Protein backbone atom coordinates (compact mmCIF):
# COMPACT_ATOMS: atom_id res chain seq x y z
CA UNK A 1 77.66 75.58 -14.20
CA UNK A 2 76.20 72.16 -13.56
CA UNK A 3 79.30 71.17 -11.58
CA UNK A 4 79.07 74.26 -9.40
CA UNK A 5 75.36 73.66 -8.73
CA UNK A 6 75.93 69.98 -8.14
CA UNK A 7 78.70 70.55 -5.62
CA UNK A 8 76.62 73.16 -3.81
CA UNK A 9 73.96 70.50 -3.25
CA UNK A 10 76.52 67.90 -2.24
CA UNK A 11 76.06 65.87 -5.42
CA UNK A 12 78.67 64.96 -7.99
CA UNK A 13 78.16 65.74 -11.66
CA UNK A 14 77.15 62.16 -12.45
CA UNK A 15 74.74 62.03 -9.50
CA UNK A 16 73.16 65.27 -10.68
CA UNK A 17 72.84 63.82 -14.19
CA UNK A 18 71.10 60.71 -12.83
CA UNK A 19 68.78 62.91 -10.77
CA UNK A 20 67.81 64.90 -13.86
CA UNK A 21 67.21 61.72 -15.88
CA UNK A 22 65.02 60.28 -13.11
CA UNK A 23 63.05 63.52 -13.03
CA UNK A 24 62.55 63.36 -16.81
CA UNK A 25 61.41 59.75 -16.56
CA UNK A 26 58.91 60.61 -13.81
CA UNK A 27 57.47 63.42 -15.95
CA UNK A 28 57.15 61.03 -18.91
CA UNK A 29 55.39 58.46 -16.71
CA UNK A 30 52.98 61.17 -15.56
CA UNK A 31 52.12 62.02 -19.17
CA UNK A 32 51.58 58.33 -19.98
CA UNK A 33 49.40 57.88 -16.87
CA UNK A 34 47.22 60.86 -17.83
CA UNK A 35 46.85 59.44 -21.34
CA UNK A 36 45.78 56.06 -19.94
CA UNK A 37 43.23 57.70 -17.65
CA UNK A 38 41.85 59.73 -20.58
CA UNK A 39 41.53 56.61 -22.77
CA UNK A 40 39.91 54.64 -19.96
CA UNK A 41 37.34 57.40 -19.40
CA UNK A 42 36.65 57.52 -23.13
CA UNK A 43 36.09 53.77 -23.30
CA UNK A 44 33.70 53.91 -20.32
CA UNK A 45 31.67 56.59 -22.10
CA UNK A 46 31.59 54.47 -25.25
CA UNK A 47 30.51 51.38 -23.31
CA UNK A 48 27.71 53.37 -21.63
CA UNK A 49 26.54 54.64 -25.03
CA UNK A 50 26.57 51.09 -26.45
CA UNK A 51 24.64 49.77 -23.45
CA UNK A 52 21.97 52.46 -23.91
CA UNK A 53 21.60 51.57 -27.60
CA UNK A 54 21.36 47.87 -26.79
CA UNK A 55 18.67 48.58 -24.21
CA UNK A 56 16.71 50.58 -26.81
CA UNK A 57 17.03 47.77 -29.32
CA UNK A 58 15.92 45.19 -26.75
CA UNK A 59 12.90 47.34 -25.88
CA UNK A 60 11.91 47.52 -29.56
CA UNK A 61 12.38 43.74 -29.99
CA UNK A 62 10.26 43.04 -26.89
CA UNK A 63 7.39 45.12 -28.31
CA UNK A 64 7.48 43.19 -31.58
């Protein structure tokens, strides 16, 4: 069936196989990219929380 589909699109079986593998790789890269974005956002939130705590601590130290 792959051969019939491949020849209908003007691609050989090996070319179709490469095209499928490239598509799979692109989907994997998309998943990795989304994971990186999620982790980056999480680290920004953590940094903001730490900065707020440090500001509170500095305020308390300044009063003492």
